[in-house]
């Protein structure tokens, strides 16, 4: 499973992506818990529900089941102007 980070989320993680091979999270909610352990600063953003998740380039809800081959992207809020 590949997790990709965008915008200021990359500043928190200090990387563009992570690869999870063993015991991957089964849902977006489990993925959040996993990432909170790796990057505690993300927790406040998860609690505020401001980050968006896409699985295989499709925005998803938290109760989607994840597969080991999935690519998950995490985005901050998008603003336009």
PDB file of N, CA and C in Angstrom:
ATOM      1  N   UNK A   1       0.848  -1.161   0.000  1.00  0.00           N
ATOM      2  CA  UNK A   1       0.000   0.000   0.000  1.00  0.00           C
ATOM      3  C   UNK A   1       0.903   1.236   0.000  1.00  0.00           C
ATOM      4  N   UNK A   2       0.574   2.159  -0.872  1.00  0.00           N
ATOM      5  CA  UNK A   2       1.354   3.396  -0.947  1.00  0.00           C
ATOM      6  C   UNK A   2       0.495   4.557  -0.459  1.00  0.00           C
ATOM      7  N   UNK A   3       1.057   5.355   0.434  1.00  0.00           N
ATOM      8  CA  UNK A   3       0.387   6.540   0.948  1.00  0.00           C
ATOM      9  C   UNK A   3       1.133   7.748   0.394  1.00  0.00           C
ATOM     10  N   UNK A   4       0.419   8.639  -0.296  1.00  0.00           N
ATOM     11  CA  UNK A   4       1.041   9.834  -0.874  1.00  0.00           C
ATOM     12  C   UNK A   4       0.554  11.068  -0.127  1.00  0.00           C
ATOM     13  N   UNK A   5       1.482  11.989   0.136  1.00  0.00           N
ATOM     14  CA  UNK A   5       1.185  13.213   0.883  1.00  0.00           C
ATOM     15  C   UNK A   5       1.333  14.421  -0.033  1.00  0.00           C
ATOM     16  N   UNK A   6       0.447  15.398   0.154  1.00  0.00           N
ATOM     17  CA  UNK A   6       0.463  16.588  -0.684  1.00  0.00           C
ATOM     18  C   UNK A   6       0.481  17.858   0.160  1.00  0.00           C
ATOM     19  N   UNK A   7       0.994  18.927  -0.460  1.00  0.00           N
ATOM     20  CA  UNK A   7       1.032  20.276   0.127  1.00  0.00           C
ATOM     21  C   UNK A   7       1.709  20.261   1.492  1.00  0.00           C
ATOM     22  N   UNK A   8       1.124  20.923   2.489  1.00  0.00           N
ATOM     23  CA  UNK A   8       1.766  21.046   3.802  1.00  0.00           C
ATOM     24  C   UNK A   8       1.812  19.732   4.568  1.00  0.00           C
ATOM     25  N   UNK A   9       1.085  18.732   4.124  1.00  0.00           N
ATOM     26  CA  UNK A   9       1.163  17.423   4.782  1.00  0.00           C
ATOM     27  C   UNK A   9       2.570  16.841   4.594  1.00  0.00           C
ATOM     28  N   UNK A  10       3.180  17.120   3.447  1.00  0.00           N
ATOM     29  CA  UNK A  10       4.569  16.680   3.217  1.00  0.00           C
ATOM     30  C   UNK A  10       5.519  17.315   4.223  1.00  0.00           C
ATOM     31  N   UNK A  11       5.220  18.541   4.648  1.00  0.00           N
ATOM     32  CA  UNK A  11       6.066  19.207   5.648  1.00  0.00           C
ATOM     33  C   UNK A  11       5.978  18.505   7.001  1.00  0.00           C
ATOM     34  N   UNK A  12       4.808  17.986   7.319  1.00  0.00           N
ATOM     35  CA  UNK A  12       4.628  17.268   8.586  1.00  0.00           C
ATOM     36  C   UNK A  12       5.348  15.923   8.547  1.00  0.00           C
ATOM     37  N   UNK A  13       5.215  15.219   7.433  1.00  0.00           N
ATOM     38  CA  UNK A  13       5.793  13.877   7.331  1.00  0.00           C
ATOM     39  C   UNK A  13       7.260  13.894   6.895  1.00  0.00           C
ATOM     40  N   UNK A  14       7.692  15.011   6.349  1.00  0.00           N
ATOM     41  CA  UNK A  14       9.044  15.136   5.793  1.00  0.00           C
ATOM     42  C   UNK A  14       9.307  14.149   4.660  1.00  0.00           C
ATOM     43  N   UNK A  15       8.254  13.780   3.966  1.00  0.00           N
ATOM     44  CA  UNK A  15       8.396  12.890   2.811  1.00  0.00           C
ATOM     45  C   UNK A  15       7.171  13.003   1.926  1.00  0.00           C
ATOM     46  N   UNK A  16       7.301  12.512   0.708  1.00  0.00           N
ATOM     47  CA  UNK A  16       6.198  12.555  -0.249  1.00  0.00           C
ATOM     48  C   UNK A  16       5.300  11.337  -0.163  1.00  0.00           C
ATOM     49  N   UNK A  17       5.842  10.221   0.320  1.00  0.00           N
ATOM     50  CA  UNK A  17       5.016   9.021   0.415  1.00  0.00           C
ATOM     51  C   UNK A  17       5.594   8.034   1.418  1.00  0.00           C
ATOM     52  N   UNK A  18       4.767   7.069   1.770  1.00  0.00           N
ATOM     53  CA  UNK A  18       5.144   5.941   2.616  1.00  0.00           C
ATOM     54  C   UNK A  18       4.660   4.677   1.930  1.00  0.00           C
ATOM     55  N   UNK A  19       5.371   3.596   2.148  1.00  0.00           N
ATOM     56  CA  UNK A  19       4.947   2.277   1.681  1.00  0.00           C
ATOM     57  C   UNK A  19       4.677   1.428   2.916  1.00  0.00           C
ATOM     58  N   UNK A  20       3.478   0.843   2.971  1.00  0.00           N
ATOM     59  CA  UNK A  20       3.110  -0.036   4.080  1.00  0.00           C
ATOM     60  C   UNK A  20       2.983  -1.438   3.505  1.00  0.00           C
ATOM     61  N   UNK A  21       3.800  -2.361   3.992  1.00  0.00           N
ATOM     62  CA  UNK A  21       3.800  -3.716   3.444  1.00  0.00           C
ATOM     63  C   UNK A  21       3.068  -4.727   4.319  1.00  0.00           C
ATOM     64  N   UNK A  22       3.351  -4.706   5.612  1.00  0.00           N
ATOM     65  CA  UNK A  22       2.845  -5.755   6.494  1.00  0.00           C
ATOM     66  C   UNK A  22       1.752  -5.198   7.391  1.00  0.00           C
ATOM     67  N   UNK A  23       0.708  -5.996   7.605  1.00  0.00           N
ATOM     68  CA  UNK A  23      -0.396  -5.601   8.490  1.00  0.00           C
ATOM     69  C   UNK A  23      -0.951  -4.233   8.126  1.00  0.00           C
ATOM     70  N   UNK A  24      -1.271  -4.060   6.867  1.00  0.00           N
ATOM     71  CA  UNK A  24      -1.766  -2.765   6.406  1.00  0.00           C
ATOM     72  C   UNK A  24      -3.111  -2.435   7.048  1.00  0.00           C
ATOM     73  N   UNK A  25      -3.412  -1.138   7.204  1.00  0.00           N
ATOM     74  CA  UNK A  25      -4.724  -0.741   7.725  1.00  0.00           C
ATOM     75  C   UNK A  25      -5.825  -1.225   6.786  1.00  0.00           C
ATOM     76  N   UNK A  26      -6.946  -1.628   7.362  1.00  0.00           N
ATOM     77  CA  UNK A  26      -8.041  -2.194   6.563  1.00  0.00           C
ATOM     78  C   UNK A  26      -9.068  -1.152   6.136  1.00  0.00           C
ATOM     79  N   UNK A  27      -9.094   0.007   6.814  1.00  0.00           N
ATOM     80  CA  UNK A  27     -10.037   1.083   6.491  1.00  0.00           C
ATOM     81  C   UNK A  27      -9.304   2.421   6.591  1.00  0.00           C
ATOM     82  N   UNK A  28      -9.942   3.465   6.102  1.00  0.00           N
ATOM     83  CA  UNK A  28      -9.365   4.806   6.234  1.00  0.00           C
ATOM     84  C   UNK A  28      -9.235   5.167   7.706  1.00  0.00           C
ATOM     85  N   UNK A  29     -10.215   4.788   8.516  1.00  0.00           N
ATOM     86  CA  UNK A  29     -10.142   5.080   9.956  1.00  0.00           C
ATOM     87  C   UNK A  29      -8.913   4.408  10.584  1.00  0.00           C
ATOM     88  N   UNK A  30      -8.656   3.158  10.242  1.00  0.00           N
ATOM     89  CA  UNK A  30      -7.454   2.474  10.742  1.00  0.00           C
ATOM     90  C   UNK A  30      -6.185   3.137  10.214  1.00  0.00           C
ATOM     91  N   UNK A  31      -6.230   3.599   8.975  1.00  0.00           N
ATOM     92  CA  UNK A  31      -5.078   4.290   8.401  1.00  0.00           C
ATOM     93  C   UNK A  31      -4.778   5.569   9.182  1.00  0.00           C
ATOM     94  N   UNK A  32      -5.823   6.294   9.555  1.00  0.00           N
ATOM     95  CA  UNK A  32      -5.625   7.509  10.356  1.00  0.00           C
ATOM     96  C   UNK A  32      -4.905   7.181  11.662  1.00  0.00           C
ATOM     97  N   UNK A  33      -5.353   6.140  12.342  1.00  0.00           N
ATOM     98  CA  UNK A  33      -4.714   5.745  13.608  1.00  0.00           C
ATOM     99  C   UNK A  33      -3.250   5.371  13.373  1.00  0.00           C
ATOM    100  N   UNK A  34      -2.997   4.635  12.319  1.00  0.00           N
ATOM    101  CA  UNK A  34      -1.628   4.240  11.976  1.00  0.00           C
ATOM    102  C   UNK A  34      -0.755   5.480  11.752  1.00  0.00           C
ATOM    103  N   UNK A  35      -1.274   6.437  10.979  1.00  0.00           N
ATOM    104  CA  UNK A  35      -0.501   7.636  10.671  1.00  0.00           C
ATOM    105  C   UNK A  35      -0.327   8.541  11.885  1.00  0.00           C
ATOM    106  N   UNK A  36      -1.318   8.566  12.775  1.00  0.00           N
ATOM    107  CA  UNK A  36      -1.182   9.339  14.018  1.00  0.00           C
ATOM    108  C   UNK A  36      -0.009   8.829  14.844  1.00  0.00           C
ATOM    109  N   UNK A  37       0.209   7.527  14.830  1.00  0.00           N
ATOM    110  CA  UNK A  37       1.343   6.961  15.567  1.00  0.00           C
ATOM    111  C   UNK A  37       2.675   7.346  14.926  1.00  0.00           C
ATOM    112  N   UNK A  38       2.708   7.380  13.601  1.00  0.00           N
ATOM    113  CA  UNK A  38       3.934   7.766  12.901  1.00  0.00           C
ATOM    114  C   UNK A  38       4.189   9.267  12.961  1.00  0.00           C
ATOM    115  N   UNK A  39       3.119  10.042  12.810  1.00  0.00           N
ATOM    116  CA  UNK A  39       3.209  11.503  12.716  1.00  0.00           C
ATOM    117  C   UNK A  39       2.170  12.132  13.651  1.00  0.00           C
ATOM    118  N   UNK A  40       2.480  12.252  14.938  1.00  0.00           N
ATOM    119  CA  UNK A  40       1.506  12.749  15.919  1.00  0.00           C
ATOM    120  C   UNK A  40       0.881  14.098  15.556  1.00  0.00           C
ATOM    121  N   UNK A  41       1.591  14.932  14.830  1.00  0.00           N
ATOM    122  CA  UNK A  41       1.037  16.242  14.469  1.00  0.00           C
ATOM    123  C   UNK A  41      -0.182  16.127  13.545  1.00  0.00           C
ATOM    124  N   UNK A  42      -0.325  15.018  12.850  1.00  0.00           N
ATOM    125  CA  UNK A  42      -1.485  14.829  11.974  1.00  0.00           C
ATOM    126  C   UNK A  42      -2.782  14.653  12.755  1.00  0.00           C
ATOM    127  N   UNK A  43      -2.695  14.206  13.993  1.00  0.00           N
ATOM    128  CA  UNK A  43      -3.898  13.893  14.770  1.00  0.00           C
ATOM    129  C   UNK A  43      -4.861  15.068  14.832  1.00  0.00           C
ATOM    130  N   UNK A  44      -4.360  16.269  15.107  1.00  0.00           N
ATOM    131  CA  UNK A  44      -5.254  17.427  15.222  1.00  0.00           C
ATOM    132  C   UNK A  44      -5.973  17.701  13.904  1.00  0.00           C
ATOM    133  N   UNK A  45      -5.325  17.448  12.788  1.00  0.00           N
ATOM    134  CA  UNK A  45      -5.954  17.663  11.488  1.00  0.00           C
ATOM    135  C   UNK A  45      -7.005  16.589  11.210  1.00  0.00           C
ATOM    136  N   UNK A  46      -6.741  15.356  11.648  1.00  0.00           N
ATOM    137  CA  UNK A  46      -7.748  14.303  11.514  1.00  0.00           C
ATOM    138  C   UNK A  46      -8.962  14.619  12.379  1.00  0.00           C
ATOM    139  N   UNK A  47      -8.727  15.099  13.604  1.00  0.00           N
ATOM    140  CA  UNK A  47      -9.830  15.434  14.508  1.00  0.00           C
ATOM    141  C   UNK A  47     -10.675  16.575  13.958  1.00  0.00           C
ATOM    142  N   UNK A  48     -10.051  17.517  13.277  1.00  0.00           N
ATOM    143  CA  UNK A  48     -10.778  18.640  12.681  1.00  0.00           C
ATOM    144  C   UNK A  48     -11.470  18.236  11.382  1.00  0.00           C
ATOM    145  N   UNK A  49     -11.188  17.032  10.915  1.00  0.00           N
ATOM    146  CA  UNK A  49     -11.799  16.491   9.697  1.00  0.00           C
ATOM    147  C   UNK A  49     -11.578  17.402   8.487  1.00  0.00           C
ATOM    148  N   UNK A  50     -10.350  17.916   8.354  1.00  0.00           N
ATOM    149  CA  UNK A  50     -10.062  18.816   7.238  1.00  0.00           C
ATOM    150  C   UNK A  50      -9.343  18.123   6.081  1.00  0.00           C
ATOM    151  N   UNK A  51      -8.775  16.959   6.323  1.00  0.00           N
ATOM    152  CA  UNK A  51      -8.024  16.278   5.270  1.00  0.00           C
ATOM    153  C   UNK A  51      -8.939  15.386   4.440  1.00  0.00           C
ATOM    154  N   UNK A  52      -8.636  15.283   3.171  1.00  0.00           N
ATOM    155  CA  UNK A  52      -9.413  14.451   2.253  1.00  0.00           C
ATOM    156  C   UNK A  52      -8.557  13.282   1.786  1.00  0.00           C
ATOM    157  N   UNK A  53      -9.223  12.159   1.565  1.00  0.00           N
ATOM    158  CA  UNK A  53      -8.542  10.936   1.147  1.00  0.00           C
ATOM    159  C   UNK A  53      -9.048  10.506  -0.222  1.00  0.00           C
ATOM    160  N   UNK A  54      -8.112  10.062  -1.045  1.00  0.00           N
ATOM    161  CA  UNK A  54      -8.458   9.466  -2.333  1.00  0.00           C
ATOM    162  C   UNK A  54      -7.776   8.105  -2.395  1.00  0.00           C
ATOM    163  N   UNK A  55      -8.514   7.121  -2.865  1.00  0.00           N
ATOM    164  CA  UNK A  55      -7.963   5.781  -3.054  1.00  0.00           C
ATOM    165  C   UNK A  55      -8.004   5.497  -4.547  1.00  0.00           C
ATOM    166  N   UNK A  56      -6.839   5.229  -5.091  1.00  0.00           N
ATOM    167  CA  UNK A  56      -6.718   4.970  -6.529  1.00  0.00           C
ATOM    168  C   UNK A  56      -7.365   6.095  -7.343  1.00  0.00           C
ATOM    169  N   UNK A  57      -7.091   7.330  -6.916  1.00  0.00           N
ATOM    170  CA  UNK A  57      -7.507   8.561  -7.592  1.00  0.00           C
ATOM    171  C   UNK A  57      -9.000   8.844  -7.519  1.00  0.00           C
ATOM    172  N   UNK A  58      -9.683   8.275  -6.512  1.00  0.00           N
ATOM    173  CA  UNK A  58     -11.108   8.551  -6.292  1.00  0.00           C
ATOM    174  C   UNK A  58     -11.295   8.966  -4.844  1.00  0.00           C
ATOM    175  N   UNK A  59     -11.956  10.119  -4.618  1.00  0.00           N
ATOM    176  CA  UNK A  59     -12.242  10.523  -3.241  1.00  0.00           C
ATOM    177  C   UNK A  59     -13.135   9.482  -2.583  1.00  0.00           C
ATOM    178  N   UNK A  60     -12.866   9.214  -1.289  1.00  0.00           N
ATOM    179  CA  UNK A  60     -13.575   8.139  -0.598  1.00  0.00           C
ATOM    180  C   UNK A  60     -14.017   8.576   0.791  1.00  0.00           C
ATOM    181  N   UNK A  61     -14.902   7.745   1.378  1.00  0.00           N
ATOM    182  CA  UNK A  61     -15.327   7.939   2.762  1.00  0.00           C
ATOM    183  C   UNK A  61     -14.472   7.057   3.668  1.00  0.00           C
ATOM    184  N   UNK A  62     -14.639   7.240   4.972  1.00  0.00           N
ATOM    185  CA  UNK A  62     -13.795   6.529   5.933  1.00  0.00           C
ATOM    186  C   UNK A  62     -14.090   5.045   6.050  1.00  0.00           C
ATOM    187  N   UNK A  63     -15.264   4.601   5.638  1.00  0.00           N
ATOM    188  CA  UNK A  63     -15.597   3.197   5.850  1.00  0.00           C
ATOM    189  C   UNK A  63     -15.279   2.312   4.643  1.00  0.00           C
ATOM    190  N   UNK A  64     -14.492   2.814   3.726  1.00  0.00           N
ATOM    191  CA  UNK A  64     -14.065   2.013   2.582  1.00  0.00           C
ATOM    192  C   UNK A  64     -13.029   0.988   3.031  1.00  0.00           C
ATOM    193  N   UNK A  65     -13.154  -0.243   2.538  1.00  0.00           N
ATOM    194  CA  UNK A  65     -12.149  -1.269   2.824  1.00  0.00           C
ATOM    195  C   UNK A  65     -10.950  -1.070   1.906  1.00  0.00           C
ATOM    196  N   UNK A  66      -9.764  -1.108   2.500  1.00  0.00           N
ATOM    197  CA  UNK A  66      -8.526  -0.912   1.750  1.00  0.00           C
ATOM    198  C   UNK A  66      -7.879  -2.246   1.409  1.00  0.00           C
ATOM    199  N   UNK A  67      -7.158  -2.262   0.281  1.00  0.00           N
ATOM    200  CA  UNK A  67      -6.436  -3.451  -0.154  1.00  0.00           C
ATOM    201  C   UNK A  67      -4.938  -3.143  -0.182  1.00  0.00           C
ATOM    202  N   UNK A  68      -4.103  -4.156  -0.069  1.00  0.00           N
ATOM    203  CA  UNK A  68      -2.651  -3.932  -0.066  1.00  0.00           C
ATOM    204  C   UNK A  68      -2.120  -3.255  -1.331  1.00  0.00           C
ATOM    205  N   UNK A  69      -2.843  -3.373  -2.435  1.00  0.00           N
ATOM    206  CA  UNK A  69      -2.370  -2.786  -3.694  1.00  0.00           C
ATOM    207  C   UNK A  69      -2.845  -1.350  -3.898  1.00  0.00           C
ATOM    208  N   UNK A  70      -3.636  -0.815  -2.977  1.00  0.00           N
ATOM    209  CA  UNK A  70      -4.194   0.527  -3.124  1.00  0.00           C
ATOM    210  C   UNK A  70      -3.133   1.612  -2.996  1.00  0.00           C
ATOM    211  N   UNK A  71      -3.394   2.718  -3.687  1.00  0.00           N
ATOM    212  CA  UNK A  71      -2.611   3.939  -3.508  1.00  0.00           C
ATOM    213  C   UNK A  71      -3.542   4.964  -2.878  1.00  0.00           C
ATOM    214  N   UNK A  72      -3.167   5.450  -1.707  1.00  0.00           N
ATOM    215  CA  UNK A  72      -3.984   6.404  -0.968  1.00  0.00           C
ATOM    216  C   UNK A  72      -3.292   7.753  -1.002  1.00  0.00           C
ATOM    217  N   UNK A  73      -4.032   8.779  -1.383  1.00  0.00           N
ATOM    218  CA  UNK A  73      -3.508  10.140  -1.388  1.00  0.00           C
ATOM    219  C   UNK A  73      -4.228  10.931  -0.303  1.00  0.00           C
ATOM    220  N   UNK A  74      -3.470  11.755   0.415  1.00  0.00           N
ATOM    221  CA  UNK A  74      -4.044  12.584   1.471  1.00  0.00           C
ATOM    222  C   UNK A  74      -3.824  14.040   1.089  1.00  0.00           C
ATOM    223  N   UNK A  75      -4.951  14.783   1.030  1.00  0.00           N
ATOM    224  CA  UNK A  75      -4.934  16.172   0.586  1.00  0.00           C
ATOM    225  C   UNK A  75      -5.428  17.105   1.679  1.00  0.00           C
ATOM    226  N   UNK A  76      -4.862  18.300   1.761  1.00  0.00           N
ATOM    227  CA  UNK A  76      -5.442  19.327   2.620  1.00  0.00           C
ATOM    228  C   UNK A  76      -6.656  19.932   1.906  1.00  0.00           C
ATOM    229  N   UNK A  77      -7.404  20.792   2.592  1.00  0.00           N
ATOM    230  CA  UNK A  77      -8.538  21.440   1.928  1.00  0.00           C
ATOM    231  C   UNK A  77      -8.063  22.211   0.696  1.00  0.00           C
ATOM    232  N   UNK A  78      -8.892  22.202  -0.319  1.00  0.00           N
ATOM    233  CA  UNK A  78      -8.571  22.909  -1.553  1.00  0.00           C
ATOM    234  C   UNK A  78      -9.331  24.224  -1.553  1.00  0.00           C
ATOM    235  N   UNK A  79      -8.633  25.300  -1.843  1.00  0.00           N
ATOM    236  CA  UNK A  79      -9.307  26.592  -1.957  1.00  0.00           C
ATOM    237  C   UNK A  79      -8.989  27.172  -3.324  1.00  0.00           C
ATOM    238  N   UNK A  80      -9.908  27.920  -3.825  1.00  0.00           N
ATOM    239  CA  UNK A  80      -9.713  28.500  -5.143  1.00  0.00           C
ATOM    240  C   UNK A  80      -9.833  30.007  -5.094  1.00  0.00           C
ATOM    241  N   UNK A  81      -9.594  30.569  -6.222  1.00  0.00           N
ATOM    242  CA  UNK A  81      -9.718  32.019  -6.231  1.00  0.00           C
ATOM    243  C   UNK A  81      -9.519  32.600  -7.589  1.00  0.00           C
TER     244      UNK A  81
END
